[in-house]
Amino acid sequence: MKVRFIGLNLLLALGLAGCGSDTPEQNAASGGSTDDGNNSVVLSPPGKPQENVSPATEGTSSASSPTEANPTPAPEPAAVETPAPKPASKPIAAATPKPEPAAEPEPEDTTPKRDIFRSAGSGDLDAVKYHLANGIKVNAQDKTGKTALLWAVRSQKHAVVSHLLARGANPNLADRSNVPPLFWAVRQRRPELVSQLLARGADIAHKDKNGRTALDYAKDEAVIAILRRHASEKE
């Protein structure tokens, strides 16, 4: 038995020497074992390759912390109770004020705002009639001595002149400068007014404070003709 054991060892040594040109990697690739009769040599398996570490995780521990391994779930937010809406309050109806009784309209004041002299000068015939109907004398004179007729002639208000003469206005009443309505009609070259005044008794021979008559102030040919014809009829 001992001789046989020695022989086997020699054969094994010769087999290993004959295969010395093979590298351990080739032996590992070929299965890593050599059969020699009943004995076999088993090579240890290669070691576990090292895991590649990415640059992003380099320098960090491969073992994760307990918190990362088993993350604790975040607590759910507590439910906020929404208060129930309050019932809308009914609007309080405002007290409706009682309408005040409508005031009765005051009677319209129809009194002219001007006196008879200004009314005559502005040609307001209705106002002139109102004043005459309420006691104003047709031959009343203002503070300058002018009558309503003189104001109407001076302003050339023919309708007022006709009405005042029809109501008995005196065509010979002069103002404080001794100027009667006829002088104003002559100066303004109004032959129709001159004729109307002469027809109502205007004095063609009347002289003012300067001693001049109406003919002395006449510049209009028609007025001069009327005055001369009237003067000749008086002779």
C-alpha atoms as a PDB file:
ATOM      1  CA  MET A   1       0.000   0.000   0.000  1.00  0.00           C
ATOM      2  CA  LYS A   2       2.768   2.417   0.862  1.00  0.00           C
ATOM      3  CA  VAL A   3       4.469   1.774  -2.480  1.00  0.00           C
ATOM      4  CA  ARG A   4       1.314   2.426  -4.319  1.00  0.00           C
ATOM      5  CA  PHE A   5       0.747   5.739  -2.502  1.00  0.00           C
ATOM      6  CA  ILE A   6       4.240   6.905  -3.444  1.00  0.00           C
ATOM      7  CA  GLY A   7       3.609   6.011  -7.053  1.00  0.00           C
ATOM      8  CA  LEU A   8       0.495   8.025  -7.204  1.00  0.00           C
ATOM      9  CA  ASN A   9       2.252  11.044  -5.862  1.00  0.00           C
ATOM     10  CA  LEU A  10       4.911  10.734  -8.540  1.00  0.00           C
ATOM     11  CA  LEU A  11       2.317  10.516 -11.248  1.00  0.00           C
ATOM     12  CA  LEU A  12       0.600  13.549  -9.832  1.00  0.00           C
ATOM     13  CA  ALA A  13       3.856  15.443  -9.777  1.00  0.00           C
ATOM     14  CA  LEU A  14       4.617  14.513 -13.360  1.00  0.00           C
ATOM     15  CA  GLY A  15       1.131  15.587 -14.431  1.00  0.00           C
ATOM     16  CA  LEU A  16       1.523  18.916 -12.824  1.00  0.00           C
ATOM     17  CA  ALA A  17       4.960  19.340 -14.406  1.00  0.00           C
ATOM     18  CA  GLY A  18       3.575  18.540 -17.845  1.00  0.00           C
ATOM     19  CA  CYS A  19       0.838  21.057 -17.475  1.00  0.00           C
ATOM     20  CA  GLY A  20       3.107  23.841 -16.143  1.00  0.00           C
ATOM     21  CA  SER A  21       2.663  25.899 -19.301  1.00  0.00           C
ATOM     22  CA  ASP A  22      -1.060  26.399 -18.505  1.00  0.00           C
ATOM     23  CA  THR A  23      -1.897  29.435 -16.433  1.00  0.00           C
ATOM     24  CA  PRO A  24      -4.064  29.211 -13.403  1.00  0.00           C
ATOM     25  CA  GLU A  25      -6.697  31.302 -15.241  1.00  0.00           C
ATOM     26  CA  GLN A  26      -6.827  28.716 -18.059  1.00  0.00           C
ATOM     27  CA  ASN A  27      -7.139  25.932 -15.515  1.00  0.00           C
ATOM     28  CA  ALA A  28      -9.927  27.826 -13.889  1.00  0.00           C
ATOM     29  CA  ALA A  29     -11.614  28.242 -17.241  1.00  0.00           C
ATOM     30  CA  SER A  30     -11.310  24.568 -17.997  1.00  0.00           C
ATOM     31  CA  GLY A  31     -13.210  23.660 -14.884  1.00  0.00           C
ATOM     32  CA  GLY A  32     -10.447  23.985 -12.279  1.00  0.00           C
ATOM     33  CA  SER A  33      -9.954  20.213 -11.760  1.00  0.00           C
ATOM     34  CA  THR A  34      -7.478  17.466 -12.866  1.00  0.00           C
ATOM     35  CA  ASP A  35      -8.563  13.870 -12.822  1.00  0.00           C
ATOM     36  CA  ASP A  36      -5.885  11.320 -12.001  1.00  0.00           C
ATOM     37  CA  GLY A  37      -7.337   8.063 -11.263  1.00  0.00           C
ATOM     38  CA  ASN A  38      -9.281   8.327  -8.096  1.00  0.00           C
ATOM     39  CA  ASN A  39      -7.779  11.614  -6.794  1.00  0.00           C
ATOM     40  CA  SER A  40      -8.878  15.176  -7.870  1.00  0.00           C
ATOM     41  CA  VAL A  41      -7.681  18.661  -7.033  1.00  0.00           C
ATOM     42  CA  VAL A  42     -10.430  21.313  -6.569  1.00  0.00           C
ATOM     43  CA  LEU A  43      -9.499  24.960  -7.011  1.00  0.00           C
ATOM     44  CA  SER A  44     -11.198  27.583  -4.898  1.00  0.00           C
ATOM     45  CA  PRO A  45     -13.770  29.706  -6.755  1.00  0.00           C
ATOM     46  CA  PRO A  46     -12.801  33.209  -7.738  1.00  0.00           C
ATOM     47  CA  GLY A  47     -13.652  35.979  -5.362  1.00  0.00           C
ATOM     48  CA  LYS A  48     -16.809  38.114  -5.701  1.00  0.00           C
ATOM     49  CA  PRO A  49     -16.185  41.066  -8.002  1.00  0.00           C
ATOM     50  CA  GLN A  50     -16.179  44.445  -6.354  1.00  0.00           C
ATOM     51  CA  GLU A  51     -19.301  46.493  -6.906  1.00  0.00           C
ATOM     52  CA  ASN A  52     -18.917  49.611  -8.981  1.00  0.00           C
ATOM     53  CA  VAL A  53     -19.555  52.824  -7.094  1.00  0.00           C
ATOM     54  CA  SER A  54     -20.979  55.694  -9.107  1.00  0.00           C
ATOM     55  CA  PRO A  55     -19.328  59.108  -8.756  1.00  0.00           C
ATOM     56  CA  ALA A  56     -22.565  60.535  -7.427  1.00  0.00           C
ATOM     57  CA  THR A  57     -22.551  58.113  -4.466  1.00  0.00           C
ATOM     58  CA  GLU A  58     -18.765  57.956  -4.005  1.00  0.00           C
ATOM     59  CA  GLY A  59     -17.651  58.737  -0.434  1.00  0.00           C
ATOM     60  CA  THR A  60     -21.016  57.784   1.007  1.00  0.00           C
ATOM     61  CA  SER A  61     -21.603  54.744   3.062  1.00  0.00           C
ATOM     62  CA  SER A  62     -22.963  51.708   1.154  1.00  0.00           C
ATOM     63  CA  ALA A  63     -25.078  50.833   4.107  1.00  0.00           C
ATOM     64  CA  SER A  64     -28.147  52.987   4.297  1.00  0.00           C
ATOM     65  CA  SER A  65     -29.189  54.506   7.572  1.00  0.00           C
ATOM     66  CA  PRO A  66     -32.107  53.015   9.390  1.00  0.00           C
ATOM     67  CA  THR A  67     -34.120  56.107   8.533  1.00  0.00           C
ATOM     68  CA  GLU A  68     -33.424  55.657   4.799  1.00  0.00           C
ATOM     69  CA  ALA A  69     -34.019  51.952   4.895  1.00  0.00           C
ATOM     70  CA  ASN A  70     -37.283  52.236   6.667  1.00  0.00           C
ATOM     71  CA  PRO A  71     -38.564  55.830   6.137  1.00  0.00           C
ATOM     72  CA  THR A  72     -41.103  56.927   8.664  1.00  0.00           C
ATOM     73  CA  PRO A  73     -44.282  57.967   6.899  1.00  0.00           C
ATOM     74  CA  ALA A  74     -45.123  61.663   7.310  1.00  0.00           C
ATOM     75  CA  PRO A  75     -48.062  62.297   9.586  1.00  0.00           C
ATOM     76  CA  GLU A  76     -51.242  63.143   7.738  1.00  0.00           C
ATOM     77  CA  PRO A  77     -52.442  66.732   8.251  1.00  0.00           C
ATOM     78  CA  ALA A  78     -55.157  67.069  10.775  1.00  0.00           C
ATOM     79  CA  ALA A  79     -58.529  67.638   9.225  1.00  0.00           C
ATOM     80  CA  VAL A  80     -59.704  71.227   9.661  1.00  0.00           C
ATOM     81  CA  GLU A  81     -63.298  71.466  10.594  1.00  0.00           C
ATOM     82  CA  THR A  82     -65.135  73.970   8.402  1.00  0.00           C
ATOM     83  CA  PRO A  83     -67.645  75.930  10.463  1.00  0.00           C
ATOM     84  CA  ALA A  84     -71.155  75.549   9.272  1.00  0.00           C
ATOM     85  CA  PRO A  85     -72.400  78.687   7.430  1.00  0.00           C
ATOM     86  CA  LYS A  86     -74.571  80.908   9.531  1.00  0.00           C
ATOM     87  CA  PRO A  87     -78.066  81.435   8.203  1.00  0.00           C
ATOM     88  CA  ALA A  88     -78.325  84.738   6.376  1.00  0.00           C
ATOM     89  CA  SER A  89     -80.104  87.299   8.444  1.00  0.00           C
ATOM     90  CA  LYS A  90     -83.163  88.804   6.888  1.00  0.00           C
ATOM     91  CA  PRO A  91     -82.678  92.450   5.880  1.00  0.00           C
ATOM     92  CA  ILE A  92     -84.504  94.835   8.069  1.00  0.00           C
ATOM     93  CA  ALA A  93     -86.989  96.724   5.979  1.00  0.00           C
ATOM     94  CA  ALA A  94     -86.370 100.452   6.249  1.00  0.00           C
ATOM     95  CA  ALA A  95     -89.293 102.419   7.401  1.00  0.00           C
ATOM     96  CA  THR A  96     -90.766 104.209   4.437  1.00  0.00           C
ATOM     97  CA  PRO A  97     -91.297 107.843   5.354  1.00  0.00           C
ATOM     98  CA  LYS A  98     -94.747 109.085   4.777  1.00  0.00           C
ATOM     99  CA  PRO A  99     -94.885 111.504   1.880  1.00  0.00           C
ATOM    100  CA  GLU A 100     -95.440 115.035   2.973  1.00  0.00           C
ATOM    101  CA  PRO A 101     -98.484 116.689   1.541  1.00  0.00           C
ATOM    102  CA  ALA A 102     -97.621 118.698  -1.522  1.00  0.00           C
ATOM    103  CA  ALA A 103     -97.482 122.379  -0.834  1.00  0.00           C
ATOM    104  CA  GLU A 104    -100.011 124.405  -2.686  1.00  0.00           C
ATOM    105  CA  PRO A 105     -98.378 126.499  -5.397  1.00  0.00           C
ATOM    106  CA  GLU A 106     -98.235 130.152  -4.591  1.00  0.00           C
ATOM    107  CA  PRO A 107    -100.207 132.360  -6.897  1.00  0.00           C
ATOM    108  CA  GLU A 108     -98.090 133.810  -9.660  1.00  0.00           C
ATOM    109  CA  ASP A 109     -97.085 137.384  -9.114  1.00  0.00           C
ATOM    110  CA  THR A 110     -98.220 139.261 -12.191  1.00  0.00           C
ATOM    111  CA  THR A 111     -97.115 142.604 -10.875  1.00  0.00           C
ATOM    112  CA  PRO A 112     -94.691 144.260 -13.325  1.00  0.00           C
ATOM    113  CA  LYS A 113     -91.218 144.628 -11.873  1.00  0.00           C
ATOM    114  CA  ARG A 114     -90.825 148.019 -13.526  1.00  0.00           C
ATOM    115  CA  ASP A 115     -92.679 151.258 -13.128  1.00  0.00           C
ATOM    116  CA  ILE A 116     -94.719 152.769 -15.944  1.00  0.00           C
ATOM    117  CA  PHE A 117     -91.820 154.893 -17.182  1.00  0.00           C
ATOM    118  CA  ARG A 118     -89.411 151.998 -17.657  1.00  0.00           C
ATOM    119  CA  SER A 119     -92.201 149.822 -19.011  1.00  0.00           C
ATOM    120  CA  ALA A 120     -93.015 152.462 -21.618  1.00  0.00           C
ATOM    121  CA  GLY A 121     -89.352 152.891 -22.520  1.00  0.00           C
ATOM    122  CA  SER A 122     -88.889 149.102 -22.960  1.00  0.00           C
ATOM    123  CA  GLY A 123     -92.020 148.771 -25.058  1.00  0.00           C
ATOM    124  CA  ASP A 124     -93.833 146.536 -22.528  1.00  0.00           C
ATOM    125  CA  LEU A 125     -97.387 147.478 -23.465  1.00  0.00           C
ATOM    126  CA  ASP A 126     -98.987 144.984 -21.045  1.00  0.00           C
ATOM    127  CA  ALA A 127     -97.095 146.462 -18.112  1.00  0.00           C
ATOM    128  CA  VAL A 128     -98.120 149.983 -19.154  1.00  0.00           C
ATOM    129  CA  LYS A 129    -101.743 148.864 -19.244  1.00  0.00           C
ATOM    130  CA  TYR A 130    -101.359 147.239 -15.831  1.00  0.00           C
ATOM    131  CA  HIS A 131     -99.997 150.410 -14.242  1.00  0.00           C
ATOM    132  CA  LEU A 132    -102.724 152.563 -15.787  1.00  0.00           C
ATOM    133  CA  ALA A 133    -105.367 150.101 -14.602  1.00  0.00           C
ATOM    134  CA  ASN A 134    -103.983 150.257 -11.061  1.00  0.00           C
ATOM    135  CA  GLY A 135    -104.154 153.977 -10.515  1.00  0.00           C
ATOM    136  CA  ILE A 136    -101.035 155.376 -12.207  1.00  0.00           C
ATOM    137  CA  LYS A 137    -101.867 158.638 -13.957  1.00  0.00           C
ATOM    138  CA  VAL A 138    -101.169 158.668 -17.660  1.00  0.00           C
ATOM    139  CA  ASN A 139     -99.434 162.081 -17.351  1.00  0.00           C
ATOM    140  CA  ALA A 140     -97.372 161.165 -14.283  1.00  0.00           C
ATOM    141  CA  GLN A 141     -93.756 162.397 -14.424  1.00  0.00           C
ATOM    142  CA  ASP A 142     -90.607 160.831 -13.005  1.00  0.00           C
ATOM    143  CA  LYS A 143     -87.911 162.684 -11.039  1.00  0.00           C
ATOM    144  CA  THR A 144     -86.465 164.136 -14.247  1.00  0.00           C
ATOM    145  CA  GLY A 145     -89.872 165.397 -15.385  1.00  0.00           C
ATOM    146  CA  LYS A 146     -90.261 162.832 -18.188  1.00  0.00           C
ATOM    147  CA  THR A 147     -93.661 161.275 -18.791  1.00  0.00           C
ATOM    148  CA  ALA A 148     -94.359 157.736 -19.983  1.00  0.00           C
ATOM    149  CA  LEU A 149     -95.190 159.234 -23.411  1.00  0.00           C
ATOM    150  CA  LEU A 150     -91.817 160.982 -23.630  1.00  0.00           C
ATOM    151  CA  TRP A 151     -90.021 157.717 -22.727  1.00  0.00           C
ATOM    152  CA  ALA A 152     -91.981 155.794 -25.367  1.00  0.00           C
ATOM    153  CA  VAL A 153     -91.218 158.429 -28.080  1.00  0.00           C
ATOM    154  CA  ARG A 154     -87.573 158.559 -27.113  1.00  0.00           C
ATOM    155  CA  SER A 155     -87.349 154.719 -27.395  1.00  0.00           C
ATOM    156  CA  GLN A 156     -89.449 154.703 -30.602  1.00  0.00           C
ATOM    157  CA  LYS A 157     -92.076 152.330 -29.194  1.00  0.00           C
ATOM    158  CA  HIS A 158     -94.934 153.088 -31.568  1.00  0.00           C
ATOM    159  CA  ALA A 159     -97.529 150.800 -29.985  1.00  0.00           C
ATOM    160  CA  VAL A 160     -97.007 152.305 -26.535  1.00  0.00           C
ATOM    161  CA  VAL A 161     -97.112 155.848 -27.970  1.00  0.00           C
ATOM    162  CA  SER A 162    -100.431 155.127 -29.687  1.00  0.00           C
ATOM    163  CA  HIS A 163    -101.928 153.626 -26.516  1.00  0.00           C
ATOM    164  CA  LEU A 164    -100.820 156.473 -24.262  1.00  0.00           C
ATOM    165  CA  LEU A 165    -102.150 159.111 -26.671  1.00  0.00           C
ATOM    166  CA  ALA A 166    -105.423 157.206 -26.897  1.00  0.00           C
ATOM    167  CA  ARG A 167    -105.611 157.250 -23.088  1.00  0.00           C
ATOM    168  CA  GLY A 168    -105.212 161.026 -23.004  1.00  0.00           C
ATOM    169  CA  ALA A 169    -101.434 161.519 -22.613  1.00  0.00           C
ATOM    170  CA  ASN A 170    -100.463 165.210 -22.996  1.00  0.00           C
ATOM    171  CA  PRO A 171     -97.904 165.606 -25.864  1.00  0.00           C
ATOM    172  CA  ASN A 172     -96.808 169.042 -24.570  1.00  0.00           C
ATOM    173  CA  LEU A 173     -95.559 167.957 -21.112  1.00  0.00           C
ATOM    174  CA  ALA A 174     -91.790 168.621 -21.180  1.00  0.00           C
ATOM    175  CA  ASP A 175     -89.058 167.472 -18.857  1.00  0.00           C
ATOM    176  CA  ARG A 176     -86.909 169.721 -16.671  1.00  0.00           C
ATOM    177  CA  SER A 177     -84.883 170.775 -19.704  1.00  0.00           C
ATOM    178  CA  ASN A 178     -88.199 171.958 -21.244  1.00  0.00           C
ATOM    179  CA  VAL A 179     -87.933 169.284 -23.967  1.00  0.00           C
ATOM    180  CA  PRO A 180     -91.354 167.833 -24.979  1.00  0.00           C
ATOM    181  CA  PRO A 181     -91.904 164.493 -26.803  1.00  0.00           C
ATOM    182  CA  LEU A 182     -92.142 166.294 -30.213  1.00  0.00           C
ATOM    183  CA  PHE A 183     -88.503 167.369 -29.979  1.00  0.00           C
ATOM    184  CA  TRP A 184     -87.387 163.751 -29.518  1.00  0.00           C
ATOM    185  CA  ALA A 185     -89.419 162.597 -32.515  1.00  0.00           C
ATOM    186  CA  VAL A 186     -87.834 165.343 -34.664  1.00  0.00           C
ATOM    187  CA  ARG A 187     -84.284 164.630 -33.499  1.00  0.00           C
ATOM    188  CA  GLN A 188     -84.677 160.914 -34.207  1.00  0.00           C
ATOM    189  CA  ARG A 189     -86.042 161.627 -37.687  1.00  0.00           C
ATOM    190  CA  ARG A 190     -89.268 159.713 -37.162  1.00  0.00           C
ATOM    191  CA  PRO A 191     -91.880 161.363 -39.401  1.00  0.00           C
ATOM    192  CA  GLU A 192     -94.647 158.926 -38.337  1.00  0.00           C
ATOM    193  CA  LEU A 193     -94.197 159.879 -34.684  1.00  0.00           C
ATOM    194  CA  VAL A 194     -94.061 163.579 -35.571  1.00  0.00           C
ATOM    195  CA  SER A 195     -97.379 163.303 -37.447  1.00  0.00           C
ATOM    196  CA  GLN A 196     -98.974 161.336 -34.600  1.00  0.00           C
ATOM    197  CA  LEU A 197     -97.962 163.888 -31.961  1.00  0.00           C
ATOM    198  CA  LEU A 198     -99.073 166.858 -34.070  1.00  0.00           C
ATOM    199  CA  ALA A 199    -102.411 165.145 -34.669  1.00  0.00           C
ATOM    200  CA  ARG A 200    -102.852 164.930 -30.874  1.00  0.00           C
ATOM    201  CA  GLY A 201    -102.168 168.605 -30.303  1.00  0.00           C
ATOM    202  CA  ALA A 202     -98.379 168.895 -30.012  1.00  0.00           C
ATOM    203  CA  ASP A 203     -97.312 172.606 -30.013  1.00  0.00           C
ATOM    204  CA  ILE A 204     -95.032 173.267 -33.013  1.00  0.00           C
ATOM    205  CA  ALA A 205     -94.083 176.696 -31.569  1.00  0.00           C
ATOM    206  CA  HIS A 206     -92.812 175.285 -28.241  1.00  0.00           C
ATOM    207  CA  LYS A 207     -89.310 176.455 -27.298  1.00  0.00           C
ATOM    208  CA  ASP A 208     -86.768 174.703 -25.074  1.00  0.00           C
ATOM    209  CA  LYS A 209     -84.526 176.441 -22.544  1.00  0.00           C
ATOM    210  CA  ASN A 210     -82.235 177.529 -25.386  1.00  0.00           C
ATOM    211  CA  GLY A 211     -85.137 179.226 -27.184  1.00  0.00           C
ATOM    212  CA  ARG A 212     -85.196 176.742 -30.073  1.00  0.00           C
ATOM    213  CA  THR A 213     -88.284 175.158 -31.635  1.00  0.00           C
ATOM    214  CA  ALA A 214     -88.785 171.667 -33.101  1.00  0.00           C
ATOM    215  CA  LEU A 215     -88.240 173.038 -36.630  1.00  0.00           C
ATOM    216  CA  ASP A 216     -84.820 174.359 -35.522  1.00  0.00           C
ATOM    217  CA  TYR A 217     -83.761 170.777 -34.652  1.00  0.00           C
ATOM    218  CA  ALA A 218     -85.172 169.132 -37.795  1.00  0.00           C
ATOM    219  CA  LYS A 219     -82.611 167.558 -40.151  1.00  0.00           C
ATOM    220  CA  ASP A 220     -84.789 165.097 -42.073  1.00  0.00           C
ATOM    221  CA  GLU A 221     -86.526 166.439 -45.217  1.00  0.00           C
ATOM    222  CA  ALA A 222     -89.699 164.452 -44.537  1.00  0.00           C
ATOM    223  CA  VAL A 223     -89.889 165.766 -40.979  1.00  0.00           C
ATOM    224  CA  ILE A 224     -89.223 169.349 -42.124  1.00  0.00           C
ATOM    225  CA  ALA A 225     -92.011 169.062 -44.692  1.00  0.00           C
ATOM    226  CA  ILE A 226     -94.481 167.812 -42.064  1.00  0.00           C
ATOM    227  CA  LEU A 227     -93.601 170.609 -39.637  1.00  0.00           C
ATOM    228  CA  ARG A 228     -93.896 173.371 -42.267  1.00  0.00           C
ATOM    229  CA  ARG A 229     -97.207 172.044 -43.559  1.00  0.00           C
ATOM    230  CA  HIS A 230     -98.568 171.895 -40.027  1.00  0.00           C
ATOM    231  CA  ALA A 231     -97.312 175.415 -39.267  1.00  0.00           C
ATOM    232  CA  SER A 232     -98.964 176.808 -42.392  1.00  0.00           C
ATOM    233  CA  GLU A 233    -102.241 175.213 -41.395  1.00  0.00           C
ATOM    234  CA  LYS A 234    -102.076 176.985 -38.025  1.00  0.00           C
ATOM    235  CA  GLU A 235    -101.694 180.431 -39.629  1.00  0.00           C
END
